[in-house]
Amino acid sequence: MSELLELARSAQTLRLDLERTTRERDRLAKSLTEWKQRAQTAQRRLSSIQKVLAPVT
């Protein structure tokens, strides 16, 4: 009986760890998407600046 209770506790701990890890993964995926969009915007702006400055150099 004690082994069964220990297995149940272990299963509960693993489930909680999985839920926590899944939430963290989702948060990081969202952050990655946001940073990727910011980088793409910065890249477009830099390209525009370079085009404007090209005749000057």
Protein backbone atom coordinates (compact mmCIF):
# COMPACT_ATOMS: atom_id res chain seq x y z
CA MET A 1 0.00 0.00 0.00
CA SER A 2 2.82 2.42 0.85
CA GLU A 3 4.43 1.78 -2.55
CA LEU A 4 1.16 2.60 -4.24
CA LEU A 5 0.87 5.86 -2.31
CA GLU A 6 4.47 6.75 -3.18
CA LEU A 7 3.80 6.06 -6.86
CA ALA A 8 0.70 8.24 -6.70
CA ARG A 9 2.71 11.08 -5.12
CA SER A 10 5.42 10.70 -7.75
CA ALA A 11 2.83 10.76 -10.52
CA GLN A 12 1.27 13.91 -9.04
CA THR A 13 4.70 15.58 -8.81
CA LEU A 14 5.48 14.65 -12.41
CA ARG A 15 2.11 15.98 -13.58
CA LEU A 16 2.71 19.29 -11.81
CA ASP A 17 6.22 19.52 -13.28
CA LEU A 18 4.85 18.84 -16.75
CA GLU A 19 2.19 21.53 -16.36
CA ARG A 20 4.79 24.03 -15.12
CA THR A 21 7.15 23.16 -17.97
CA THR A 22 4.37 23.45 -20.53
CA ARG A 23 3.42 26.91 -19.24
CA GLU A 24 7.06 28.00 -19.38
CA ARG A 25 7.43 26.64 -22.92
CA ASP A 26 4.33 28.53 -24.02
CA ARG A 27 5.61 31.73 -22.40
CA LEU A 28 8.98 31.39 -24.12
CA ALA A 29 7.35 30.65 -27.48
CA LYS A 30 5.29 33.83 -27.17
CA SER A 31 8.38 35.80 -26.20
CA LEU A 32 10.29 34.37 -29.16
CA THR A 33 7.51 35.41 -31.53
CA GLU A 34 7.50 38.94 -30.10
CA TRP A 35 11.30 39.27 -30.36
CA LYS A 36 11.28 37.90 -33.90
CA GLN A 37 8.71 40.53 -34.93
CA ARG A 38 10.79 43.27 -33.27
CA ALA A 39 13.93 42.08 -35.07
CA GLN A 40 12.13 42.03 -38.42
CA THR A 41 10.83 45.56 -37.85
CA ALA A 42 14.31 46.76 -36.90
CA GLN A 43 15.76 45.09 -39.98
CA ARG A 44 13.25 46.85 -42.24
CA ARG A 45 13.98 50.21 -40.59
CA LEU A 46 17.72 49.71 -40.92
CA SER A 47 17.31 48.83 -44.57
CA SER A 48 15.31 52.02 -45.12
CA ILE A 49 17.98 54.10 -43.37
CA GLN A 50 20.70 52.48 -45.47
CA LYS A 51 18.80 53.28 -48.68
CA VAL A 52 18.43 56.90 -47.63
CA LEU A 53 22.12 57.18 -46.71
CA ALA A 54 23.45 55.27 -49.73
CA PRO A 55 23.72 58.31 -52.01
CA VAL A 56 25.60 60.22 -49.28
CA THR A 57 28.42 57.69 -48.92
